[in-house]
C-alpha atoms as a PDB file:
ATOM      1  CA  UNK A   1       2.719 -60.517  67.404  1.00  0.00           C
ATOM      2  CA  UNK A   2      -0.332 -62.664  66.631  1.00  0.00           C
ATOM      3  CA  UNK A   3      -3.804 -60.838  66.381  1.00  0.00           C
ATOM      4  CA  UNK A   4      -6.725 -62.861  67.984  1.00  0.00           C
ATOM      5  CA  UNK A   5     -10.313 -62.609  67.035  1.00  0.00           C
ATOM      6  CA  UNK A   6     -13.644 -63.661  68.369  1.00  0.00           C
ATOM      7  CA  UNK A   7     -14.193 -67.405  67.668  1.00  0.00           C
ATOM      8  CA  UNK A   8     -10.582 -68.270  67.560  1.00  0.00           C
ATOM      9  CA  UNK A   9      -9.692 -71.595  69.147  1.00  0.00           C
ATOM     10  CA  UNK A  10      -6.790 -72.209  71.433  1.00  0.00           C
ATOM     11  CA  UNK A  11      -6.824 -75.756  72.478  1.00  0.00           C
ATOM     12  CA  UNK A  12     -10.111 -76.387  74.243  1.00  0.00           C
ATOM     13  CA  UNK A  13     -10.827 -72.607  74.730  1.00  0.00           C
ATOM     14  CA  UNK A  14     -12.917 -70.697  72.334  1.00  0.00           C
ATOM     15  CA  UNK A  15     -12.513 -66.667  72.444  1.00  0.00           C
ATOM     16  CA  UNK A  16     -15.837 -65.088  73.115  1.00  0.00           C
ATOM     17  CA  UNK A  17     -14.930 -61.327  73.633  1.00  0.00           C
ATOM     18  CA  UNK A  18     -12.079 -59.098  75.006  1.00  0.00           C
ATOM     19  CA  UNK A  19     -12.374 -58.772  78.684  1.00  0.00           C
ATOM     20  CA  UNK A  20      -9.779 -56.091  79.720  1.00  0.00           C
ATOM     21  CA  UNK A  21      -6.231 -55.196  79.193  1.00  0.00           C
ATOM     22  CA  UNK A  22      -3.398 -56.059  81.760  1.00  0.00           C
ATOM     23  CA  UNK A  23      -0.932 -53.668  83.093  1.00  0.00           C
ATOM     24  CA  UNK A  24       1.084 -54.073  80.048  1.00  0.00           C
ATOM     25  CA  UNK A  25      -1.672 -53.330  77.765  1.00  0.00           C
ATOM     26  CA  UNK A  26      -2.071 -56.875  76.590  1.00  0.00           C
ATOM     27  CA  UNK A  27      -5.631 -57.836  75.803  1.00  0.00           C
ATOM     28  CA  UNK A  28      -7.191 -60.549  78.141  1.00  0.00           C
ATOM     29  CA  UNK A  29     -10.135 -62.583  76.882  1.00  0.00           C
ATOM     30  CA  UNK A  30     -13.215 -64.123  78.153  1.00  0.00           C
ATOM     31  CA  UNK A  31     -13.230 -67.672  76.846  1.00  0.00           C
ATOM     32  CA  UNK A  32     -15.533 -70.825  76.825  1.00  0.00           C
ATOM     33  CA  UNK A  33     -13.882 -74.201  77.481  1.00  0.00           C
ATOM     34  CA  UNK A  34     -14.973 -77.488  75.650  1.00  0.00           C
ATOM     35  CA  UNK A  35     -16.179 -78.468  79.218  1.00  0.00           C
ATOM     36  CA  UNK A  36     -18.641 -75.836  79.405  1.00  0.00           C
ATOM     37  CA  UNK A  37     -16.973 -73.418  81.868  1.00  0.00           C
ATOM     38  CA  UNK A  38     -16.586 -69.874  80.908  1.00  0.00           C
ATOM     39  CA  UNK A  39     -13.475 -67.968  82.365  1.00  0.00           C
ATOM     40  CA  UNK A  40     -12.149 -64.407  82.141  1.00  0.00           C
ATOM     41  CA  UNK A  41      -8.603 -63.092  82.313  1.00  0.00           C
ATOM     42  CA  UNK A  42      -7.311 -65.341  79.636  1.00  0.00           C
ATOM     43  CA  UNK A  43      -3.962 -64.469  77.721  1.00  0.00           C
ATOM     44  CA  UNK A  44      -4.161 -66.235  74.223  1.00  0.00           C
ATOM     45  CA  UNK A  45      -1.272 -68.469  73.876  1.00  0.00           C
ATOM     46  CA  UNK A  46      -0.549 -69.057  77.431  1.00  0.00           C
ATOM     47  CA  UNK A  47      -3.676 -71.218  78.469  1.00  0.00           C
ATOM     48  CA  UNK A  48      -5.187 -74.059  76.626  1.00  0.00           C
ATOM     49  CA  UNK A  49      -8.239 -74.970  79.046  1.00  0.00           C
ATOM     50  CA  UNK A  50      -9.900 -73.720  82.014  1.00  0.00           C
ATOM     51  CA  UNK A  51      -7.546 -75.974  84.039  1.00  0.00           C
ATOM     52  CA  UNK A  52      -9.491 -79.274  83.016  1.00  0.00           C
ATOM     53  CA  UNK A  53      -6.585 -80.742  80.994  1.00  0.00           C
ATOM     54  CA  UNK A  54      -4.400 -80.567  84.076  1.00  0.00           C
ATOM     55  CA  UNK A  55      -6.969 -82.178  86.317  1.00  0.00           C
ATOM     56  CA  UNK A  56      -7.708 -84.968  83.852  1.00  0.00           C
ATOM     57  CA  UNK A  57      -4.129 -85.824  83.682  1.00  0.00           C
ATOM     58  CA  UNK A  58      -3.723 -85.662  87.494  1.00  0.00           C
ATOM     59  CA  UNK A  59      -6.615 -87.685  87.930  1.00  0.00           C
ATOM     60  CA  UNK A  60      -5.443 -90.146  85.622  1.00  0.00           C
ATOM     61  CA  UNK A  61      -2.079 -90.561  87.118  1.00  0.00           C
ATOM     62  CA  UNK A  62      -3.839 -90.984  90.578  1.00  0.00           C
ATOM     63  CA  UNK A  63      -5.885 -93.903  89.155  1.00  0.00           C
ATOM     64  CA  UNK A  64      -4.841 -97.143  90.712  1.00  0.00           C
ATOM     65  CA  UNK A  65      -4.327 -98.860  87.448  1.00  0.00           C
ATOM     66  CA  UNK A  66      -0.466 -99.629  88.076  1.00  0.00           C
ATOM     67  CA  UNK A  67       0.519 -98.668  84.517  1.00  0.00           C
ATOM     68  CA  UNK A  68       1.809 -95.318  84.872  1.00  0.00           C
ATOM     69  CA  UNK A  69       5.073 -96.031  83.676  1.00  0.00           C
ATOM     70  CA  UNK A  70       3.971 -98.581  80.941  1.00  0.00           C
ATOM     71  CA  UNK A  71       4.308 -97.962  77.184  1.00  0.00           C
ATOM     72  CA  UNK A  72       0.487 -97.907  76.796  1.00  0.00           C
ATOM     73  CA  UNK A  73       0.259 -94.981  79.360  1.00  0.00           C
ATOM     74  CA  UNK A  74       3.134 -93.139  77.697  1.00  0.00           C
ATOM     75  CA  UNK A  75       1.341 -93.509  74.406  1.00  0.00           C
ATOM     76  CA  UNK A  76      -2.047 -92.250  75.918  1.00  0.00           C
ATOM     77  CA  UNK A  77      -0.356 -89.098  77.432  1.00  0.00           C
ATOM     78  CA  UNK A  78       1.434 -88.380  74.210  1.00  0.00           C
ATOM     79  CA  UNK A  79      -1.683 -88.820  72.345  1.00  0.00           C
ATOM     80  CA  UNK A  80      -3.488 -86.096  74.504  1.00  0.00           C
ATOM     81  CA  UNK A  81      -0.477 -83.774  74.633  1.00  0.00           C
ATOM     82  CA  UNK A  82      -0.020 -83.595  70.797  1.00  0.00           C
ATOM     83  CA  UNK A  83      -3.763 -82.914  70.450  1.00  0.00           C
ATOM     84  CA  UNK A  84      -4.365 -80.453  73.083  1.00  0.00           C
ATOM     85  CA  UNK A  85      -1.004 -78.808  74.082  1.00  0.00           C
ATOM     86  CA  UNK A  86       0.047 -76.080  71.765  1.00  0.00           C
ATOM     87  CA  UNK A  87       3.510 -76.217  73.004  1.00  0.00           C
ATOM     88  CA  UNK A  88       4.056 -79.734  71.935  1.00  0.00           C
ATOM     89  CA  UNK A  89       6.397 -80.139  68.959  1.00  0.00           C
ATOM     90  CA  UNK A  90       3.883 -82.353  67.171  1.00  0.00           C
ATOM     91  CA  UNK A  91       0.678 -80.258  67.912  1.00  0.00           C
ATOM     92  CA  UNK A  92       0.703 -78.482  64.420  1.00  0.00           C
ATOM     93  CA  UNK A  93       0.148 -81.999  62.896  1.00  0.00           C
ATOM     94  CA  UNK A  94      -2.484 -83.031  65.427  1.00  0.00           C
ATOM     95  CA  UNK A  95      -4.384 -80.394  67.366  1.00  0.00           C
ATOM     96  CA  UNK A  96      -3.541 -77.737  64.975  1.00  0.00           C
ATOM     97  CA  UNK A  97      -5.285 -79.839  62.328  1.00  0.00           C
ATOM     98  CA  UNK A  98      -8.298 -80.152  64.426  1.00  0.00           C
ATOM     99  CA  UNK A  99      -7.640 -83.824  65.459  1.00  0.00           C
ATOM    100  CA  UNK A 100      -9.151 -84.563  68.874  1.00  0.00           C
ATOM    101  CA  UNK A 101      -9.376 -87.343  71.434  1.00  0.00           C
ATOM    102  CA  UNK A 102     -12.517 -89.198  72.105  1.00  0.00           C
ATOM    103  CA  UNK A 103     -13.796 -87.625  75.326  1.00  0.00           C
ATOM    104  CA  UNK A 104     -13.974 -90.630  77.558  1.00  0.00           C
ATOM    105  CA  UNK A 105     -10.404 -91.504  76.726  1.00  0.00           C
ATOM    106  CA  UNK A 106      -9.256 -88.050  77.341  1.00  0.00           C
ATOM    107  CA  UNK A 107     -10.529 -88.232  80.832  1.00  0.00           C
ATOM    108  CA  UNK A 108      -9.615 -91.894  81.600  1.00  0.00           C
ATOM    109  CA  UNK A 109      -6.651 -93.876  80.649  1.00  0.00           C
ATOM    110  CA  UNK A 110      -8.395 -97.102  81.816  1.00  0.00           C
ATOM    111  CA  UNK A 111     -11.085 -96.544  79.347  1.00  0.00           C
ATOM    112  CA  UNK A 112      -8.377 -95.924  76.597  1.00  0.00           C
ATOM    113  CA  UNK A 113      -6.553 -99.232  77.576  1.00  0.00           C
ATOM    114  CA  UNK A 114      -9.740-101.154  77.839  1.00  0.00           C
ATOM    115  CA  UNK A 115     -10.249-100.467  74.143  1.00  0.00           C
ATOM    116  CA  UNK A 116      -6.792-100.700  72.488  1.00  0.00           C
ATOM    117  CA  UNK A 117      -5.225-103.279  74.947  1.00  0.00           C
ATOM    118  CA  UNK A 118      -1.591-103.971  75.354  1.00  0.00           C
ATOM    119  CA  UNK A 119       1.065-102.853  72.920  1.00  0.00           C
ATOM    120  CA  UNK A 120       1.932-106.081  70.855  1.00  0.00           C
ATOM    121  CA  UNK A 121       5.659-105.489  70.717  1.00  0.00           C
ATOM    122  CA  UNK A 122       8.163-102.872  70.966  1.00  0.00           C
ATOM    123  CA  UNK A 123       7.983-102.225  67.134  1.00  0.00           C
ATOM    124  CA  UNK A 124       4.281-100.926  67.611  1.00  0.00           C
ATOM    125  CA  UNK A 125       2.962 -97.655  68.180  1.00  0.00           C
ATOM    126  CA  UNK A 126      -0.495 -95.812  68.163  1.00  0.00           C
ATOM    127  CA  UNK A 127      -1.955 -95.077  64.815  1.00  0.00           C
ATOM    128  CA  UNK A 128      -5.195 -93.762  63.481  1.00  0.00           C
ATOM    129  CA  UNK A 129      -6.700 -96.238  61.074  1.00  0.00           C
ATOM    130  CA  UNK A 130      -8.525 -96.508  58.799  1.00  0.00           C
ATOM    131  CA  UNK A 131      -8.837 -92.637  58.785  1.00  0.00           C
ATOM    132  CA  UNK A 132      -5.604 -91.001  59.142  1.00  0.00           C
ATOM    133  CA  UNK A 133      -7.246 -87.530  59.082  1.00  0.00           C
ATOM    134  CA  UNK A 134      -9.688 -88.675  61.741  1.00  0.00           C
ATOM    135  CA  UNK A 135      -9.989 -88.472  65.521  1.00  0.00           C
ATOM    136  CA  UNK A 136      -8.440 -90.744  68.098  1.00  0.00           C
ATOM    137  CA  UNK A 137     -11.752 -92.609  68.749  1.00  0.00           C
ATOM    138  CA  UNK A 138     -13.164 -96.133  68.933  1.00  0.00           C
ATOM    139  CA  UNK A 139     -12.858 -97.758  65.562  1.00  0.00           C
ATOM    140  CA  UNK A 140     -10.179 -95.631  64.375  1.00  0.00           C
ATOM    141  CA  UNK A 141      -7.092 -96.542  66.552  1.00  0.00           C
ATOM    142  CA  UNK A 142      -4.807 -99.472  66.494  1.00  0.00           C
ATOM    143  CA  UNK A 143      -1.435-100.650  67.344  1.00  0.00           C
ATOM    144  CA  UNK A 144       0.689-100.667  64.123  1.00  0.00           C
ATOM    145  CA  UNK A 145       4.315-101.322  63.001  1.00  0.00           C
ATOM    146  CA  UNK A 146       6.330 -98.519  61.187  1.00  0.00           C
ATOM    147  CA  UNK A 147       5.619-100.370  57.931  1.00  0.00           C
ATOM    148  CA  UNK A 148       1.845-100.137  58.644  1.00  0.00           C
ATOM    149  CA  UNK A 149       1.995 -96.567  59.734  1.00  0.00           C
ATOM    150  CA  UNK A 150       4.007 -95.622  56.742  1.00  0.00           C
ATOM    151  CA  UNK A 151       1.391 -97.160  54.480  1.00  0.00           C
ATOM    152  CA  UNK A 152      -1.205 -95.208  56.324  1.00  0.00           C
ATOM    153  CA  UNK A 153       0.317 -91.540  55.972  1.00  0.00           C
ATOM    154  CA  UNK A 154      -1.940 -88.993  54.701  1.00  0.00           C
ATOM    155  CA  UNK A 155       0.605 -87.955  51.981  1.00  0.00           C
ATOM    156  CA  UNK A 156       0.726 -91.500  50.422  1.00  0.00           C
ATOM    157  CA  UNK A 157      -0.510 -92.070  46.829  1.00  0.00           C
ATOM    158  CA  UNK A 158      -3.045 -94.742  46.650  1.00  0.00           C
ATOM    159  CA  UNK A 159      -4.057 -96.658  43.604  1.00  0.00           C
ATOM    160  CA  UNK A 160      -7.302 -98.778  43.174  1.00  0.00           C
ATOM    161  CA  UNK A 161      -7.271-101.867  41.073  1.00  0.00           C
ATOM    162  CA  UNK A 162     -10.412-103.760  41.123  1.00  0.00           C
ATOM    163  CA  UNK A 163     -11.461-104.051  44.800  1.00  0.00           C
ATOM    164  CA  UNK A 164      -8.091-103.468  46.166  1.00  0.00           C
ATOM    165  CA  UNK A 165      -6.837 -99.919  47.213  1.00  0.00           C
ATOM    166  CA  UNK A 166      -2.958 -99.950  48.107  1.00  0.00           C
ATOM    167  CA  UNK A 167      -0.118 -97.366  48.354  1.00  0.00           C
ATOM    168  CA  UNK A 168       2.529 -97.314  45.961  1.00  0.00           C
ATOM    169  CA  UNK A 169       4.960 -98.900  48.391  1.00  0.00           C
ATOM    170  CA  UNK A 170       2.346-101.746  48.779  1.00  0.00           C
ATOM    171  CA  UNK A 171       2.075-102.360  45.002  1.00  0.00           C
ATOM    172  CA  UNK A 172       5.843-102.039  44.841  1.00  0.00           C
ATOM    173  CA  UNK A 173       6.147-104.878  47.324  1.00  0.00           C
ATOM    174  CA  UNK A 174       3.756-107.204  45.438  1.00  0.00           C
ATOM    175  CA  UNK A 175       5.020-106.438  41.901  1.00  0.00           C
ATOM    176  CA  UNK A 176       8.865-105.955  42.332  1.00  0.00           C
ATOM    177  CA  UNK A 177       8.710-102.650  40.567  1.00  0.00           C
ATOM    178  CA  UNK A 178      10.173 -99.971  42.631  1.00  0.00           C
ATOM    179  CA  UNK A 179       8.150 -97.230  44.143  1.00  0.00           C
ATOM    180  CA  UNK A 180      10.381 -94.543  42.460  1.00  0.00           C
ATOM    181  CA  UNK A 181       9.758 -96.154  39.117  1.00  0.00           C
ATOM    182  CA  UNK A 182       5.880 -96.093  39.660  1.00  0.00           C
ATOM    183  CA  UNK A 183       6.134 -92.365  40.664  1.00  0.00           C
ATOM    184  CA  UNK A 184       8.259 -91.677  37.550  1.00  0.00           C
ATOM    185  CA  UNK A 185       5.581 -93.440  35.337  1.00  0.00           C
ATOM    186  CA  UNK A 186       2.784 -91.479  36.847  1.00  0.00           C
ATOM    187  CA  UNK A 187       4.302 -88.030  37.218  1.00  0.00           C
ATOM    188  CA  UNK A 188       6.844 -87.857  34.243  1.00  0.00           C
ATOM    189  CA  UNK A 189       5.674 -90.112  31.645  1.00  0.00           C
ATOM    190  CA  UNK A 190       1.917 -89.378  32.446  1.00  0.00           C
ATOM    191  CA  UNK A 191       0.750 -93.077  32.744  1.00  0.00           C
ATOM    192  CA  UNK A 192      -2.552 -94.117  34.157  1.00  0.00           C
ATOM    193  CA  UNK A 193      -1.930 -95.103  37.780  1.00  0.00           C
ATOM    194  CA  UNK A 194      -3.247 -98.637  37.184  1.00  0.00           C
ATOM    195  CA  UNK A 195      -1.045 -99.150  34.306  1.00  0.00           C
ATOM    196  CA  UNK A 196       1.925 -97.722  36.271  1.00  0.00           C
ATOM    197  CA  UNK A 197       1.572-100.080  39.269  1.00  0.00           C
ATOM    198  CA  UNK A 198       0.565-103.280  37.090  1.00  0.00           C
ATOM    199  CA  UNK A 199       3.283-103.105  34.259  1.00  0.00           C
ATOM    200  CA  UNK A 200       6.297-105.192  34.944  1.00  0.00           C
ATOM    201  CA  UNK A 201       9.643-103.504  35.032  1.00  0.00           C
ATOM    202  CA  UNK A 202      10.812-105.431  31.887  1.00  0.00           C
ATOM    203  CA  UNK A 203       7.962-104.337  30.032  1.00  0.00           C
ATOM    204  CA  UNK A 204       8.219-100.758  31.136  1.00  0.00           C
ATOM    205  CA  UNK A 205      11.860-100.759  29.576  1.00  0.00           C
ATOM    206  CA  UNK A 206      10.430-101.693  26.275  1.00  0.00           C
ATOM    207  CA  UNK A 207       7.722 -99.143  26.272  1.00  0.00           C
END
């Protein structure tokens, strides 16, 4: 059973203080929502806002943009869900890490769509770029292919040569040396990362 404390955050709610216990002895809290509203009788883990999330989604669905079933709308809806709904299977990697959605986009699909535009193809999906650890906000969102997204993962090892910063996978495509070989050079042989990505495979075998 999880123990909650003053100041803990649940979605958009921040716990202020215990309010009372329900008939089963469970503690109900007084909370402040990000929208500014203060509410009581909150059972942590069962509410994620004062109700404003549901209202925003309903309002967005009712907006006459004619795109409710479009891939762009689905991407917008999924973006909000993984950032604010604790029951979303991806929440731990987004909202659980503190990633948020720009407030105007959260309230309006049209505002989001006006910024990102139509998805270029079926191979594209929403990506946070250039800051993969940043929020969904203007200047940090793009439509990207799977290859582009894999190059932008926060777990990627990047190497700077001159003025260029690329992942091992990108250096591998340029040099012809496999990514596995580059990782072996760095982790097992202790090579400097620049040497590891710029040394041809044949030279590596003689080293």
